[in-house]
C-alpha atoms as a PDB file:
ATOM      1  CA  UNK A   1     -15.748 -72.257  49.636  1.00  0.00           C
ATOM      2  CA  UNK A   2     -13.564 -70.067  47.459  1.00  0.00           C
ATOM      3  CA  UNK A   3     -10.741 -68.623  49.555  1.00  0.00           C
ATOM      4  CA  UNK A   4     -12.533 -69.487  52.797  1.00  0.00           C
ATOM      5  CA  UNK A   5     -13.093 -65.918  53.987  1.00  0.00           C
ATOM      6  CA  UNK A   6     -16.890 -66.050  53.947  1.00  0.00           C
ATOM      7  CA  UNK A   7     -16.800 -69.548  55.428  1.00  0.00           C
ATOM      8  CA  UNK A   8     -14.654 -68.367  58.327  1.00  0.00           C
ATOM      9  CA  UNK A   9     -16.883 -65.343  58.980  1.00  0.00           C
ATOM     10  CA  UNK A  10     -20.085 -67.411  58.898  1.00  0.00           C
ATOM     11  CA  UNK A  11     -18.710 -69.972  61.294  1.00  0.00           C
ATOM     12  CA  UNK A  12     -17.374 -67.299  63.631  1.00  0.00           C
ATOM     13  CA  UNK A  13     -20.839 -65.679  63.778  1.00  0.00           C
ATOM     14  CA  UNK A  14     -22.482 -69.065  64.437  1.00  0.00           C
ATOM     15  CA  UNK A  15     -19.994 -69.698  67.250  1.00  0.00           C
ATOM     16  CA  UNK A  16     -21.095 -66.495  68.990  1.00  0.00           C
ATOM     17  CA  UNK A  17     -24.517 -68.076  69.538  1.00  0.00           C
ATOM     18  CA  UNK A  18     -23.819 -71.817  69.616  1.00  0.00           C
ATOM     19  CA  UNK A  19     -21.278 -74.204  71.096  1.00  0.00           C
ATOM     20  CA  UNK A  20     -18.833 -75.669  68.546  1.00  0.00           C
ATOM     21  CA  UNK A  21     -20.468 -79.105  68.892  1.00  0.00           C
ATOM     22  CA  UNK A  22     -23.757 -77.584  67.705  1.00  0.00           C
ATOM     23  CA  UNK A  23     -22.317 -75.972  64.546  1.00  0.00           C
ATOM     24  CA  UNK A  24     -22.349 -78.185  61.467  1.00  0.00           C
ATOM     25  CA  UNK A  25     -20.866 -77.003  58.179  1.00  0.00           C
ATOM     26  CA  UNK A  26     -20.777 -78.605  54.740  1.00  0.00           C
ATOM     27  CA  UNK A  27     -18.788 -76.968  51.965  1.00  0.00           C
ATOM     28  CA  UNK A  28     -18.802 -77.985  48.318  1.00  0.00           C
ATOM     29  CA  UNK A  29     -15.938 -76.795  46.150  1.00  0.00           C
ATOM     30  CA  UNK A  30     -13.831 -77.953  43.241  1.00  0.00           C
ATOM     31  CA  UNK A  31     -10.713 -77.475  45.395  1.00  0.00           C
ATOM     32  CA  UNK A  32      -7.714 -78.923  43.491  1.00  0.00           C
ATOM     33  CA  UNK A  33      -9.918 -79.695  40.456  1.00  0.00           C
ATOM     34  CA  UNK A  34     -10.472 -75.953  39.948  1.00  0.00           C
ATOM     35  CA  UNK A  35      -9.330 -74.649  36.561  1.00  0.00           C
ATOM     36  CA  UNK A  36      -5.680 -73.591  36.495  1.00  0.00           C
ATOM     37  CA  UNK A  37      -6.744 -69.987  35.844  1.00  0.00           C
ATOM     38  CA  UNK A  38      -8.600 -69.957  39.193  1.00  0.00           C
ATOM     39  CA  UNK A  39      -5.656 -70.139  41.556  1.00  0.00           C
ATOM     40  CA  UNK A  40      -7.272 -68.239  44.425  1.00  0.00           C
ATOM     41  CA  UNK A  41      -9.301 -71.056  45.986  1.00  0.00           C
ATOM     42  CA  UNK A  42      -8.512 -73.319  48.895  1.00  0.00           C
ATOM     43  CA  UNK A  43      -6.838 -76.676  48.629  1.00  0.00           C
ATOM     44  CA  UNK A  44      -8.461 -79.577  50.460  1.00  0.00           C
ATOM     45  CA  UNK A  45      -5.698 -79.491  53.087  1.00  0.00           C
ATOM     46  CA  UNK A  46      -6.167 -75.756  53.739  1.00  0.00           C
ATOM     47  CA  UNK A  47      -9.954 -76.150  53.900  1.00  0.00           C
ATOM     48  CA  UNK A  48      -9.646 -78.881  56.529  1.00  0.00           C
ATOM     49  CA  UNK A  49      -7.207 -76.754  58.531  1.00  0.00           C
ATOM     50  CA  UNK A  50      -9.555 -73.738  58.415  1.00  0.00           C
ATOM     51  CA  UNK A  51     -12.462 -75.767  59.757  1.00  0.00           C
ATOM     52  CA  UNK A  52     -10.563 -77.942  62.225  1.00  0.00           C
ATOM     53  CA  UNK A  53      -9.208 -74.850  63.970  1.00  0.00           C
ATOM     54  CA  UNK A  54     -12.764 -73.788  64.810  1.00  0.00           C
ATOM     55  CA  UNK A  55     -13.729 -77.062  66.491  1.00  0.00           C
ATOM     56  CA  UNK A  56     -16.962 -77.598  64.568  1.00  0.00           C
ATOM     57  CA  UNK A  57     -18.319 -80.645  62.788  1.00  0.00           C
ATOM     58  CA  UNK A  58     -17.505 -80.114  59.125  1.00  0.00           C
ATOM     59  CA  UNK A  59     -17.807 -81.924  55.818  1.00  0.00           C
ATOM     60  CA  UNK A  60     -15.801 -80.789  52.828  1.00  0.00           C
ATOM     61  CA  UNK A  61     -17.056 -82.319  49.617  1.00  0.00           C
ATOM     62  CA  UNK A  62     -14.876 -81.939  46.536  1.00  0.00           C
ATOM     63  CA  UNK A  63     -16.698 -81.501  43.246  1.00  0.00           C
ATOM     64  CA  UNK A  64     -19.257 -79.469  41.373  1.00  0.00           C
ATOM     65  CA  UNK A  65     -22.775 -79.069  42.829  1.00  0.00           C
ATOM     66  CA  UNK A  66     -24.317 -82.049  41.006  1.00  0.00           C
ATOM     67  CA  UNK A  67     -21.569 -84.570  41.706  1.00  0.00           C
ATOM     68  CA  UNK A  68     -21.114 -83.498  45.309  1.00  0.00           C
ATOM     69  CA  UNK A  69     -24.795 -83.309  46.262  1.00  0.00           C
ATOM     70  CA  UNK A  70     -25.658 -86.578  44.546  1.00  0.00           C
ATOM     71  CA  UNK A  71     -23.052 -88.272  46.787  1.00  0.00           C
ATOM     72  CA  UNK A  72     -23.915 -86.663  50.126  1.00  0.00           C
ATOM     73  CA  UNK A  73     -27.520 -85.429  50.121  1.00  0.00           C
ATOM     74  CA  UNK A  74     -28.909 -88.452  51.951  1.00  0.00           C
ATOM     75  CA  UNK A  75     -26.223 -88.344  54.665  1.00  0.00           C
ATOM     76  CA  UNK A  76     -26.440 -84.675  55.594  1.00  0.00           C
ATOM     77  CA  UNK A  77     -29.726 -83.595  57.150  1.00  0.00           C
ATOM     78  CA  UNK A  78     -31.226 -80.607  58.921  1.00  0.00           C
ATOM     79  CA  UNK A  79     -29.206 -77.746  57.445  1.00  0.00           C
ATOM     80  CA  UNK A  80     -30.624 -74.335  58.297  1.00  0.00           C
ATOM     81  CA  UNK A  81     -28.626 -72.084  55.973  1.00  0.00           C
ATOM     82  CA  UNK A  82     -27.461 -72.581  52.389  1.00  0.00           C
ATOM     83  CA  UNK A  83     -25.343 -70.096  50.459  1.00  0.00           C
ATOM     84  CA  UNK A  84     -24.743 -70.679  46.768  1.00  0.00           C
ATOM     85  CA  UNK A  85     -21.832 -68.788  45.233  1.00  0.00           C
ATOM     86  CA  UNK A  86     -22.259 -67.020  41.904  1.00  0.00           C
ATOM     87  CA  UNK A  87     -19.403 -68.911  40.274  1.00  0.00           C
ATOM     88  CA  UNK A  88     -21.212 -72.270  40.132  1.00  0.00           C
ATOM     89  CA  UNK A  89     -21.524 -74.117  36.824  1.00  0.00           C
ATOM     90  CA  UNK A  90     -25.083 -73.404  35.671  1.00  0.00           C
ATOM     91  CA  UNK A  91     -25.753 -76.865  34.221  1.00  0.00           C
ATOM     92  CA  UNK A  92     -24.433 -78.647  37.284  1.00  0.00           C
ATOM     93  CA  UNK A  93     -26.457 -76.403  39.603  1.00  0.00           C
ATOM     94  CA  UNK A  94     -29.633 -76.872  37.527  1.00  0.00           C
ATOM     95  CA  UNK A  95     -29.420 -80.628  38.084  1.00  0.00           C
ATOM     96  CA  UNK A  96     -28.248 -80.357  41.700  1.00  0.00           C
ATOM     97  CA  UNK A  97     -31.387 -78.539  42.926  1.00  0.00           C
ATOM     98  CA  UNK A  98     -33.104 -81.956  42.916  1.00  0.00           C
ATOM     99  CA  UNK A  99     -30.906 -83.165  45.800  1.00  0.00           C
ATOM    100  CA  UNK A 100     -31.010 -80.085  48.010  1.00  0.00           C
ATOM    101  CA  UNK A 101     -34.475 -80.316  49.642  1.00  0.00           C
ATOM    102  CA  UNK A 102     -33.733 -83.613  51.404  1.00  0.00           C
ATOM    103  CA  UNK A 103     -30.826 -81.953  53.270  1.00  0.00           C
ATOM    104  CA  UNK A 104     -32.721 -79.005  54.701  1.00  0.00           C
ATOM    105  CA  UNK A 105     -34.488 -78.189  57.943  1.00  0.00           C
ATOM    106  CA  UNK A 106     -38.092 -77.061  57.568  1.00  0.00           C
ATOM    107  CA  UNK A 107     -37.165 -73.442  58.284  1.00  0.00           C
ATOM    108  CA  UNK A 108     -33.998 -73.358  56.165  1.00  0.00           C
ATOM    109  CA  UNK A 109     -32.913 -70.102  54.562  1.00  0.00           C
ATOM    110  CA  UNK A 110     -31.371 -70.321  51.081  1.00  0.00           C
ATOM    111  CA  UNK A 111     -29.492 -67.511  49.365  1.00  0.00           C
ATOM    112  CA  UNK A 112     -27.921 -67.417  45.934  1.00  0.00           C
ATOM    113  CA  UNK A 113     -25.167 -64.940  45.191  1.00  0.00           C
ATOM    114  CA  UNK A 114     -25.671 -62.704  42.156  1.00  0.00           C
ATOM    115  CA  UNK A 115     -22.932 -60.511  40.791  1.00  0.00           C
ATOM    116  CA  UNK A 116     -23.098 -57.502  38.531  1.00  0.00           C
ATOM    117  CA  UNK A 117     -20.338 -55.175  37.411  1.00  0.00           C
ATOM    118  CA  UNK A 118     -20.931 -52.910  40.378  1.00  0.00           C
ATOM    119  CA  UNK A 119     -22.097 -55.110  43.239  1.00  0.00           C
ATOM    120  CA  UNK A 120     -22.667 -58.553  44.653  1.00  0.00           C
ATOM    121  CA  UNK A 121     -25.838 -59.462  46.526  1.00  0.00           C
ATOM    122  CA  UNK A 122     -27.402 -62.512  48.118  1.00  0.00           C
ATOM    123  CA  UNK A 123     -30.888 -63.201  46.781  1.00  0.00           C
ATOM    124  CA  UNK A 124     -33.230 -65.343  48.889  1.00  0.00           C
ATOM    125  CA  UNK A 125     -34.778 -68.463  47.386  1.00  0.00           C
ATOM    126  CA  UNK A 126     -38.200 -69.271  48.800  1.00  0.00           C
ATOM    127  CA  UNK A 127     -39.469 -72.756  49.573  1.00  0.00           C
ATOM    128  CA  UNK A 128     -41.780 -72.535  46.551  1.00  0.00           C
ATOM    129  CA  UNK A 129     -38.903 -71.504  44.289  1.00  0.00           C
ATOM    130  CA  UNK A 130     -36.767 -74.368  45.597  1.00  0.00           C
ATOM    131  CA  UNK A 131     -39.590 -76.821  44.972  1.00  0.00           C
ATOM    132  CA  UNK A 132     -39.929 -75.563  41.378  1.00  0.00           C
ATOM    133  CA  UNK A 133     -36.172 -75.710  40.797  1.00  0.00           C
ATOM    134  CA  UNK A 134     -35.967 -79.235  42.198  1.00  0.00           C
ATOM    135  CA  UNK A 135     -38.899 -80.390  40.057  1.00  0.00           C
ATOM    136  CA  UNK A 136     -37.485 -78.910  36.847  1.00  0.00           C
ATOM    137  CA  UNK A 137     -34.304 -80.950  36.950  1.00  0.00           C
ATOM    138  CA  UNK A 138     -33.001 -81.408  33.399  1.00  0.00           C
ATOM    139  CA  UNK A 139     -32.757 -85.061  32.443  1.00  0.00           C
ATOM    140  CA  UNK A 140     -29.715 -86.483  30.742  1.00  0.00           C
ATOM    141  CA  UNK A 141     -30.378 -88.166  27.421  1.00  0.00           C
ATOM    142  CA  UNK A 142     -30.044 -91.941  27.434  1.00  0.00           C
ATOM    143  CA  UNK A 143     -27.074 -93.301  25.536  1.00  0.00           C
END
């Protein structure tokens, strides 16, 4: 969710075409658990305020991708758009792909942000790529 700017813009666009009751948003973010050096993100309270003011149905899930998705993937269904920020922990994201497919509508669009020194772009992830990512989930070694 970062600072919430992209979240607010996405929701505002969705509200141009749909009633607030038909817009469902789920955001995963470290929130207060973010490293002290990353002071620009939302707090849980500010994230709730941002979403409540728009009148939509929203779920804010604190945590990294793996921990958050492993807790909520079976409860959230039918999502049509997924945006994955570039600042996600690579190991957590690699394991979290396993949980994502069960949350998605058949025609879901998935984009992953990629940053370079000069630009940021959203790269689409196809259904076949998602299937491969979900199947290649790294396994944790048994203790």
